[in-house]
Amino acid sequence: MRRGGGIIETLLCTPLSLRQIWAGKVLGVTIPAYLIALLTAALITLIANVFSTTILLPSPAVFLHIVLVVPAFIAVAVGLLGFGHLLLGMRENQIMNITIFVAIFFAFSLANTNVINGGYAVSWAMVGGMLSIAVLLLALISYLTRYLNKERITTTIA
C-alpha cells in the first residue's frame, strides 16, 4: 500500500494545536471549493441568460444563500471530514466520507425548492435557518476538536 506524503506527521511536529491544524484544513479546502461553487453559479446564470429573452438574475434570497450559506455548508462538510480523519487516525475514512456525503445530500433533498413553478428557489427563512444550522454545526465540530489526541493520530497513521 502506498503511503502518503507525511504531511500530517510534519504538521504534528509543529507547535500548532490540533484545532489549528483542523481549521487550516477547513480553510484550505473550503476556499477553492467555494470559488468553484461561485464559478458554477455564474455559469448557470450565464447559460440561463443565453437562452432567455429577458435578463435573469438570482433573487436577493438566492444571492445571499450563495454568498453565506453555501460556503458555510462547504466548511461544515470539510470540517466533519477533517475531524473524522484526525479522530480516526486516517484509517476508517472511506466509510465515514460516504456517510457524511449521503447525509448532506439527503438534507439538501429535503429542502423544498420551487424552481419548476417559477418561484424562488430559496426563501429568506430557509437562508436564515440553513445559515444558523451551518454555524451551529461548525461551532460544535470546532468544540469537538479539543478531544483529538496527537498520540492516537501518530500511532494510527501507518
N, C-alpha and C. Protein backbone atom coordinates (compact mmCIF):
# COMPACT_ATOMS: atom_id res chain seq x y z
N MET A 1 0.84 -1.17 0.00
CA MET A 1 0.00 0.00 0.00
C MET A 1 0.89 1.25 0.00
N ARG A 2 0.52 2.20 -0.81
CA ARG A 2 1.29 3.44 -0.92
C ARG A 2 1.01 4.33 0.27
N ARG A 3 2.04 4.84 0.83
CA ARG A 3 1.91 5.72 1.99
C ARG A 3 1.87 7.18 1.54
N GLY A 4 1.15 8.02 2.28
CA GLY A 4 1.01 9.44 1.94
C GLY A 4 2.33 10.18 2.04
N GLY A 5 2.26 11.46 1.79
CA GLY A 5 3.46 12.28 1.75
C GLY A 5 3.99 12.69 3.10
N GLY A 6 3.39 12.25 4.20
CA GLY A 6 3.88 12.59 5.52
C GLY A 6 3.53 13.99 5.98
N ILE A 7 2.54 14.59 5.35
CA ILE A 7 2.17 15.96 5.70
C ILE A 7 1.63 16.04 7.12
N ILE A 8 0.76 15.11 7.48
CA ILE A 8 0.17 15.17 8.83
C ILE A 8 1.24 14.97 9.90
N GLU A 9 2.20 14.08 9.61
CA GLU A 9 3.28 13.88 10.58
C GLU A 9 4.08 15.15 10.77
N THR A 10 4.35 15.85 9.68
CA THR A 10 5.10 17.10 9.75
C THR A 10 4.31 18.15 10.53
N LEU A 11 3.02 18.25 10.27
CA LEU A 11 2.19 19.22 10.99
C LEU A 11 2.11 18.91 12.49
N LEU A 12 2.09 17.63 12.82
CA LEU A 12 2.02 17.25 14.23
C LEU A 12 3.31 17.59 14.98
N CYS A 13 4.42 17.76 14.26
CA CYS A 13 5.69 18.11 14.89
C CYS A 13 5.83 19.62 15.10
N THR A 14 4.91 20.39 14.55
CA THR A 14 4.96 21.84 14.71
C THR A 14 4.28 22.24 16.02
N PRO A 15 4.45 23.48 16.43
CA PRO A 15 3.77 23.92 17.66
C PRO A 15 2.27 24.19 17.47
N LEU A 16 1.73 23.88 16.31
CA LEU A 16 0.31 24.09 16.07
C LEU A 16 -0.53 23.12 16.89
N SER A 17 -1.66 23.60 17.37
CA SER A 17 -2.59 22.71 18.07
C SER A 17 -3.39 21.93 17.04
N LEU A 18 -4.02 20.86 17.47
CA LEU A 18 -4.86 20.08 16.55
C LEU A 18 -6.03 20.93 16.04
N ARG A 19 -6.54 21.83 16.86
CA ARG A 19 -7.62 22.72 16.41
C ARG A 19 -7.12 23.63 15.28
N GLN A 20 -5.89 24.13 15.40
CA GLN A 20 -5.33 24.97 14.34
C GLN A 20 -5.08 24.18 13.06
N ILE A 21 -4.61 22.96 13.21
CA ILE A 21 -4.41 22.10 12.03
C ILE A 21 -5.75 21.84 11.36
N TRP A 22 -6.77 21.53 12.16
CA TRP A 22 -8.12 21.28 11.63
C TRP A 22 -8.65 22.53 10.92
N ALA A 23 -8.51 23.70 11.56
CA ALA A 23 -9.01 24.94 10.97
C ALA A 23 -8.29 25.25 9.65
N GLY A 24 -6.99 24.99 9.60
CA GLY A 24 -6.24 25.18 8.36
C GLY A 24 -6.72 24.27 7.26
N LYS A 25 -7.03 23.04 7.64
CA LYS A 25 -7.55 22.08 6.67
C LYS A 25 -8.91 22.55 6.15
N VAL A 26 -9.75 23.03 7.06
CA VAL A 26 -11.08 23.50 6.66
C VAL A 26 -10.96 24.69 5.71
N LEU A 27 -10.15 25.68 6.06
CA LEU A 27 -10.00 26.85 5.19
C LEU A 27 -9.33 26.50 3.87
N GLY A 28 -8.34 25.63 3.93
CA GLY A 28 -7.60 25.26 2.73
C GLY A 28 -8.43 24.53 1.69
N VAL A 29 -9.48 23.87 2.11
CA VAL A 29 -10.36 23.17 1.17
C VAL A 29 -11.61 23.99 0.87
N THR A 30 -12.11 24.71 1.86
CA THR A 30 -13.34 25.48 1.68
C THR A 30 -13.17 26.59 0.66
N ILE A 31 -12.08 27.30 0.70
CA ILE A 31 -11.88 28.44 -0.20
C ILE A 31 -11.90 28.02 -1.67
N PRO A 32 -11.09 27.04 -2.10
CA PRO A 32 -11.18 26.66 -3.52
C PRO A 32 -12.52 26.02 -3.88
N ALA A 33 -13.11 25.26 -2.96
CA ALA A 33 -14.41 24.65 -3.25
C ALA A 33 -15.48 25.72 -3.42
N TYR A 34 -15.42 26.77 -2.60
CA TYR A 34 -16.38 27.87 -2.71
C TYR A 34 -16.17 28.64 -4.01
N LEU A 35 -14.92 28.84 -4.41
CA LEU A 35 -14.66 29.52 -5.68
C LEU A 35 -15.24 28.72 -6.85
N ILE A 36 -15.14 27.41 -6.78
CA ILE A 36 -15.73 26.56 -7.81
C ILE A 36 -17.25 26.69 -7.79
N ALA A 37 -17.85 26.75 -6.59
CA ALA A 37 -19.30 26.92 -6.47
C ALA A 37 -19.74 28.26 -7.06
N LEU A 38 -18.96 29.33 -6.79
CA LEU A 38 -19.28 30.64 -7.37
C LEU A 38 -19.19 30.62 -8.89
N LEU A 39 -18.15 29.99 -9.40
CA LEU A 39 -17.99 29.87 -10.85
C LEU A 39 -19.16 29.10 -11.46
N THR A 40 -19.57 28.04 -10.80
CA THR A 40 -20.70 27.25 -11.28
C THR A 40 -21.99 28.07 -11.29
N ALA A 41 -22.24 28.81 -10.22
CA ALA A 41 -23.44 29.66 -10.15
C ALA A 41 -23.40 30.72 -11.25
N ALA A 42 -22.24 31.30 -11.50
CA ALA A 42 -22.12 32.31 -12.56
C ALA A 42 -22.36 31.68 -13.93
N LEU A 43 -21.84 30.47 -14.16
CA LEU A 43 -22.07 29.79 -15.43
C LEU A 43 -23.54 29.43 -15.63
N ILE A 44 -24.20 28.98 -14.58
CA ILE A 44 -25.62 28.66 -14.67
C ILE A 44 -26.42 29.91 -15.03
N THR A 45 -26.09 31.03 -14.38
CA THR A 45 -26.77 32.29 -14.67
C THR A 45 -26.50 32.72 -16.11
N LEU A 46 -25.27 32.60 -16.56
CA LEU A 46 -24.90 32.98 -17.92
C LEU A 46 -25.64 32.12 -18.95
N ILE A 47 -25.64 30.81 -18.73
CA ILE A 47 -26.33 29.91 -19.66
C ILE A 47 -27.83 30.18 -19.68
N ALA A 48 -28.41 30.44 -18.50
CA ALA A 48 -29.84 30.77 -18.46
C ALA A 48 -30.13 32.04 -19.23
N ASN A 49 -29.25 33.02 -19.16
CA ASN A 49 -29.45 34.28 -19.88
C ASN A 49 -29.26 34.13 -21.38
N VAL A 50 -28.43 33.19 -21.80
CA VAL A 50 -28.23 32.96 -23.23
C VAL A 50 -29.52 32.45 -23.88
N PHE A 51 -30.25 31.61 -23.16
CA PHE A 51 -31.47 31.01 -23.71
C PHE A 51 -32.74 31.76 -23.33
N SER A 52 -32.63 32.92 -22.75
CA SER A 52 -33.79 33.69 -22.32
C SER A 52 -33.87 35.00 -23.10
N THR A 53 -35.08 35.49 -23.25
CA THR A 53 -35.26 36.77 -23.93
C THR A 53 -35.12 37.94 -22.97
N THR A 54 -35.20 37.67 -21.67
CA THR A 54 -35.02 38.71 -20.66
C THR A 54 -33.81 38.38 -19.81
N ILE A 55 -33.34 39.36 -19.09
CA ILE A 55 -32.18 39.15 -18.22
C ILE A 55 -32.64 38.44 -16.95
N LEU A 56 -32.03 37.31 -16.67
CA LEU A 56 -32.37 36.54 -15.47
C LEU A 56 -31.25 36.70 -14.44
N LEU A 57 -31.64 37.13 -13.26
CA LEU A 57 -30.69 37.26 -12.16
C LEU A 57 -31.25 36.54 -10.94
N PRO A 58 -30.39 36.04 -10.07
CA PRO A 58 -30.90 35.39 -8.86
C PRO A 58 -31.61 36.39 -7.96
N SER A 59 -32.60 35.89 -7.24
CA SER A 59 -33.30 36.75 -6.28
C SER A 59 -32.34 37.13 -5.16
N PRO A 60 -32.66 38.16 -4.38
CA PRO A 60 -31.79 38.52 -3.25
C PRO A 60 -31.58 37.36 -2.27
N ALA A 61 -32.64 36.57 -2.04
CA ALA A 61 -32.51 35.42 -1.12
C ALA A 61 -31.54 34.39 -1.69
N VAL A 62 -31.63 34.12 -2.97
CA VAL A 62 -30.72 33.15 -3.61
C VAL A 62 -29.30 33.69 -3.57
N PHE A 63 -29.14 34.99 -3.84
CA PHE A 63 -27.82 35.60 -3.81
C PHE A 63 -27.19 35.48 -2.41
N LEU A 64 -27.98 35.78 -1.38
CA LEU A 64 -27.49 35.66 -0.01
C LEU A 64 -27.17 34.20 0.34
N HIS A 65 -27.98 33.30 -0.18
CA HIS A 65 -27.74 31.86 0.02
C HIS A 65 -26.38 31.48 -0.56
N ILE A 66 -26.11 31.96 -1.77
CA ILE A 66 -24.84 31.63 -2.43
C ILE A 66 -23.66 32.26 -1.69
N VAL A 67 -23.85 33.47 -1.19
CA VAL A 67 -22.75 34.19 -0.54
C VAL A 67 -22.47 33.69 0.87
N LEU A 68 -23.52 33.32 1.63
CA LEU A 68 -23.32 32.95 3.04
C LEU A 68 -23.51 31.46 3.33
N VAL A 69 -24.61 30.89 2.85
CA VAL A 69 -24.96 29.52 3.24
C VAL A 69 -24.07 28.49 2.54
N VAL A 70 -23.82 28.68 1.26
CA VAL A 70 -23.00 27.70 0.53
C VAL A 70 -21.61 27.56 1.14
N PRO A 71 -20.88 28.65 1.38
CA PRO A 71 -19.55 28.45 1.99
C PRO A 71 -19.64 27.88 3.41
N ALA A 72 -20.69 28.22 4.13
CA ALA A 72 -20.84 27.69 5.49
C ALA A 72 -21.03 26.17 5.45
N PHE A 73 -21.86 25.69 4.53
CA PHE A 73 -22.06 24.24 4.44
C PHE A 73 -20.86 23.52 3.85
N ILE A 74 -20.13 24.17 2.97
CA ILE A 74 -18.87 23.58 2.49
C ILE A 74 -17.92 23.42 3.67
N ALA A 75 -17.83 24.45 4.50
CA ALA A 75 -16.96 24.39 5.67
C ALA A 75 -17.41 23.31 6.65
N VAL A 76 -18.73 23.13 6.81
CA VAL A 76 -19.23 22.07 7.70
C VAL A 76 -18.84 20.70 7.16
N ALA A 77 -19.05 20.48 5.86
CA ALA A 77 -18.70 19.18 5.28
C ALA A 77 -17.21 18.90 5.40
N VAL A 78 -16.40 19.89 5.06
CA VAL A 78 -14.95 19.73 5.16
C VAL A 78 -14.52 19.57 6.61
N GLY A 79 -15.15 20.34 7.50
CA GLY A 79 -14.83 20.24 8.92
C GLY A 79 -15.15 18.86 9.49
N LEU A 80 -16.31 18.32 9.10
CA LEU A 80 -16.66 16.97 9.55
C LEU A 80 -15.67 15.94 9.03
N LEU A 81 -15.34 16.05 7.76
CA LEU A 81 -14.39 15.09 7.18
C LEU A 81 -13.01 15.23 7.84
N GLY A 82 -12.55 16.47 8.02
CA GLY A 82 -11.25 16.68 8.65
C GLY A 82 -11.22 16.19 10.08
N PHE A 83 -12.29 16.47 10.81
CA PHE A 83 -12.37 15.99 12.20
C PHE A 83 -12.36 14.47 12.23
N GLY A 84 -13.12 13.86 11.35
CA GLY A 84 -13.15 12.39 11.28
C GLY A 84 -11.80 11.81 10.93
N HIS A 85 -11.10 12.44 9.99
CA HIS A 85 -9.77 11.95 9.62
C HIS A 85 -8.82 11.99 10.81
N LEU A 86 -8.86 13.09 11.54
CA LEU A 86 -7.97 13.22 12.70
C LEU A 86 -8.42 12.31 13.85
N LEU A 87 -9.71 12.18 14.05
CA LEU A 87 -10.22 11.36 15.14
C LEU A 87 -9.94 9.87 14.90
N LEU A 88 -10.15 9.43 13.68
CA LEU A 88 -9.98 8.01 13.38
C LEU A 88 -8.56 7.66 12.99
N GLY A 89 -7.68 8.61 12.98
CA GLY A 89 -6.28 8.32 12.69
C GLY A 89 -6.03 7.96 11.26
N MET A 90 -6.84 8.46 10.35
CA MET A 90 -6.64 8.34 8.91
C MET A 90 -6.95 6.96 8.33
N ARG A 91 -7.59 6.07 9.05
CA ARG A 91 -7.81 4.73 8.53
C ARG A 91 -9.23 4.49 8.01
N GLU A 92 -10.20 4.70 8.84
CA GLU A 92 -11.58 4.34 8.51
C GLU A 92 -12.29 5.48 7.78
N ASN A 93 -11.58 6.15 6.89
CA ASN A 93 -12.09 7.36 6.27
C ASN A 93 -13.13 7.12 5.20
N GLN A 94 -12.99 6.08 4.40
CA GLN A 94 -13.89 5.90 3.27
C GLN A 94 -15.34 5.73 3.70
N ILE A 95 -15.60 4.90 4.69
CA ILE A 95 -16.97 4.70 5.17
C ILE A 95 -17.50 6.00 5.76
N MET A 96 -16.68 6.69 6.52
CA MET A 96 -17.10 7.95 7.12
C MET A 96 -17.38 8.99 6.04
N ASN A 97 -16.53 9.10 5.02
CA ASN A 97 -16.73 10.07 3.95
C ASN A 97 -18.05 9.83 3.24
N ILE A 98 -18.32 8.59 2.90
CA ILE A 98 -19.56 8.25 2.21
C ILE A 98 -20.76 8.57 3.08
N THR A 99 -20.69 8.25 4.36
CA THR A 99 -21.80 8.52 5.28
C THR A 99 -22.07 10.01 5.39
N ILE A 100 -21.03 10.81 5.51
CA ILE A 100 -21.21 12.27 5.63
C ILE A 100 -21.82 12.83 4.35
N PHE A 101 -21.32 12.43 3.18
CA PHE A 101 -21.85 12.96 1.94
C PHE A 101 -23.29 12.52 1.70
N VAL A 102 -23.63 11.28 2.04
CA VAL A 102 -25.01 10.83 1.90
C VAL A 102 -25.92 11.65 2.81
N ALA A 103 -25.50 11.91 4.03
CA ALA A 103 -26.30 12.72 4.96
C ALA A 103 -26.48 14.14 4.45
N ILE A 104 -25.44 14.72 3.90
CA ILE A 104 -25.54 16.09 3.38
C ILE A 104 -26.47 16.14 2.18
N PHE A 105 -26.33 15.21 1.24
CA PHE A 105 -27.20 15.23 0.07
C PHE A 105 -28.64 14.91 0.45
N PHE A 106 -28.84 14.06 1.44
CA PHE A 106 -30.20 13.79 1.93
C PHE A 106 -30.81 15.05 2.52
N ALA A 107 -30.02 15.80 3.28
CA ALA A 107 -30.52 17.05 3.87
C ALA A 107 -30.88 18.05 2.78
N PHE A 108 -30.04 18.13 1.74
CA PHE A 108 -30.36 19.04 0.63
C PHE A 108 -31.62 18.61 -0.10
N SER A 109 -31.84 17.31 -0.22
CA SER A 109 -33.04 16.83 -0.93
C SER A 109 -34.31 17.14 -0.15
N LEU A 110 -34.20 17.32 1.17
CA LEU A 110 -35.37 17.67 1.98
C LEU A 110 -35.78 19.13 1.82
N ALA A 111 -34.83 19.95 1.35
CA ALA A 111 -35.13 21.37 1.18
C ALA A 111 -36.21 21.52 0.10
N ASN A 112 -37.24 22.29 0.40
CA ASN A 112 -38.36 22.48 -0.52
C ASN A 112 -38.02 23.58 -1.50
N THR A 113 -37.56 23.19 -2.68
CA THR A 113 -37.27 24.19 -3.69
C THR A 113 -38.43 24.23 -4.68
N ASN A 114 -38.73 25.41 -5.13
CA ASN A 114 -39.88 25.63 -6.00
C ASN A 114 -39.43 26.22 -7.33
N VAL A 115 -38.37 25.70 -7.90
CA VAL A 115 -37.81 26.24 -9.12
C VAL A 115 -38.72 25.96 -10.31
N ILE A 116 -39.30 24.79 -10.37
CA ILE A 116 -40.10 24.38 -11.53
C ILE A 116 -41.32 25.27 -11.70
N ASN A 117 -41.95 25.69 -10.63
CA ASN A 117 -43.14 26.52 -10.71
C ASN A 117 -42.81 28.00 -10.87
N GLY A 118 -41.56 28.34 -11.05
CA GLY A 118 -41.17 29.72 -11.29
C GLY A 118 -40.99 30.55 -10.04
N GLY A 119 -41.09 29.94 -8.88
CA GLY A 119 -40.91 30.68 -7.63
C GLY A 119 -39.45 30.77 -7.26
N TYR A 120 -39.20 31.40 -6.12
CA TYR A 120 -37.84 31.49 -5.63
C TYR A 120 -37.38 30.12 -5.18
N ALA A 121 -36.15 29.79 -5.50
CA ALA A 121 -35.60 28.50 -5.11
C ALA A 121 -35.27 28.48 -3.63
N VAL A 122 -35.05 29.66 -3.06
CA VAL A 122 -34.66 29.76 -1.66
C VAL A 122 -35.44 30.91 -1.03
N SER A 123 -36.03 30.65 0.13
CA SER A 123 -36.75 31.71 0.84
C SER A 123 -35.84 32.34 1.87
N TRP A 124 -36.23 33.50 2.39
CA TRP A 124 -35.45 34.17 3.42
C TRP A 124 -35.37 33.31 4.68
N ALA A 125 -36.49 32.68 5.02
CA ALA A 125 -36.50 31.82 6.21
C ALA A 125 -35.54 30.64 6.04
N MET A 126 -35.50 30.11 4.82
CA MET A 126 -34.61 28.99 4.55
C MET A 126 -33.15 29.43 4.66
N VAL A 127 -32.83 30.62 4.15
CA VAL A 127 -31.47 31.13 4.24
C VAL A 127 -31.06 31.28 5.70
N GLY A 128 -31.94 31.91 6.50
CA GLY A 128 -31.63 32.10 7.92
C GLY A 128 -31.51 30.79 8.67
N GLY A 129 -32.43 29.88 8.41
CA GLY A 129 -32.39 28.59 9.08
C GLY A 129 -31.17 27.77 8.73
N MET A 130 -30.87 27.70 7.44
CA MET A 130 -29.72 26.92 7.00
C MET A 130 -28.41 27.53 7.48
N LEU A 131 -28.33 28.85 7.47
CA LEU A 131 -27.12 29.51 7.95
C LEU A 131 -26.94 29.26 9.45
N SER A 132 -28.02 29.32 10.20
CA SER A 132 -27.95 29.05 11.64
C SER A 132 -27.50 27.62 11.90
N ILE A 133 -28.06 26.68 11.17
CA ILE A 133 -27.67 25.27 11.33
C ILE A 133 -26.20 25.08 11.00
N ALA A 134 -25.75 25.68 9.90
CA ALA A 134 -24.34 25.53 9.50
C ALA A 134 -23.39 26.11 10.55
N VAL A 135 -23.73 27.30 11.06
CA VAL A 135 -22.88 27.93 12.07
C VAL A 135 -22.84 27.08 13.34
N LEU A 136 -23.99 26.57 13.76
CA LEU A 136 -24.04 25.71 14.96
C LEU A 136 -23.23 24.43 14.75
N LEU A 137 -23.37 23.81 13.59
CA LEU A 137 -22.61 22.58 13.32
C LEU A 137 -21.11 22.86 13.30
N LEU A 138 -20.72 23.96 12.68
CA LEU A 138 -19.29 24.29 12.63
C LEU A 138 -18.75 24.58 14.03
N ALA A 139 -19.53 25.27 14.85
CA ALA A 139 -19.11 25.53 16.23
C ALA A 139 -19.00 24.23 17.01
N LEU A 140 -19.94 23.32 16.82
CA LEU A 140 -19.90 22.03 17.50
C LEU A 140 -18.67 21.22 17.10
N ILE A 141 -18.40 21.17 15.81
CA ILE A 141 -17.23 20.43 15.34
C ILE A 141 -15.95 21.06 15.87
N SER A 142 -15.90 22.39 15.85
CA SER A 142 -14.73 23.09 16.38
C SER A 142 -14.55 22.77 17.86
N TYR A 143 -15.63 22.74 18.61
CA TYR A 143 -15.56 22.39 20.03
C TYR A 143 -15.05 20.96 20.21
N LEU A 144 -15.52 20.05 19.37
CA LEU A 144 -15.13 18.64 19.50
C LEU A 144 -13.65 18.40 19.19
N THR A 145 -13.01 19.35 18.49
CA THR A 145 -11.59 19.16 18.19
C THR A 145 -10.73 19.11 19.44
N ARG A 146 -11.26 19.60 20.56
CA ARG A 146 -10.48 19.54 21.81
C ARG A 146 -10.30 18.10 22.29
N TYR A 147 -11.07 17.18 21.75
CA TYR A 147 -10.97 15.78 22.14
C TYR A 147 -10.05 14.97 21.24
N LEU A 148 -9.42 15.64 20.28
CA LEU A 148 -8.45 14.96 19.43
C LEU A 148 -7.16 14.74 20.19
N ASN A 149 -6.44 13.70 19.81
CA ASN A 149 -5.24 13.31 20.53
C ASN A 149 -4.10 13.09 19.54
N LYS A 150 -3.03 13.87 19.65
CA LYS A 150 -1.89 13.75 18.74
C LYS A 150 -1.27 12.35 18.80
N GLU A 151 -1.19 11.81 19.99
CA GLU A 151 -0.58 10.48 20.15
C GLU A 151 -1.38 9.41 19.40
N ARG A 152 -2.69 9.47 19.52
CA ARG A 152 -3.54 8.50 18.81
C ARG A 152 -3.41 8.64 17.30
N ILE A 153 -3.33 9.87 16.83
CA ILE A 153 -3.19 10.11 15.39
C ILE A 153 -1.89 9.52 14.89
N THR A 154 -0.79 9.78 15.57
CA THR A 154 0.51 9.29 15.10
C THR A 154 0.61 7.77 15.15
N THR A 155 -0.06 7.13 16.10
CA THR A 155 0.02 5.68 16.18
C THR A 155 -0.88 4.98 15.19
N THR A 156 -1.85 5.69 14.59
CA THR A 156 -2.76 5.03 13.66
C THR A 156 -2.56 5.48 12.21
N ILE A 157 -1.53 6.24 11.93
CA ILE A 157 -1.30 6.72 10.56
C ILE A 157 -0.88 5.62 9.62
N ALA A 158 -0.06 4.74 10.04
CA ALA A 158 0.53 3.69 9.20
C ALA A 158 -0.39 3.15 8.24
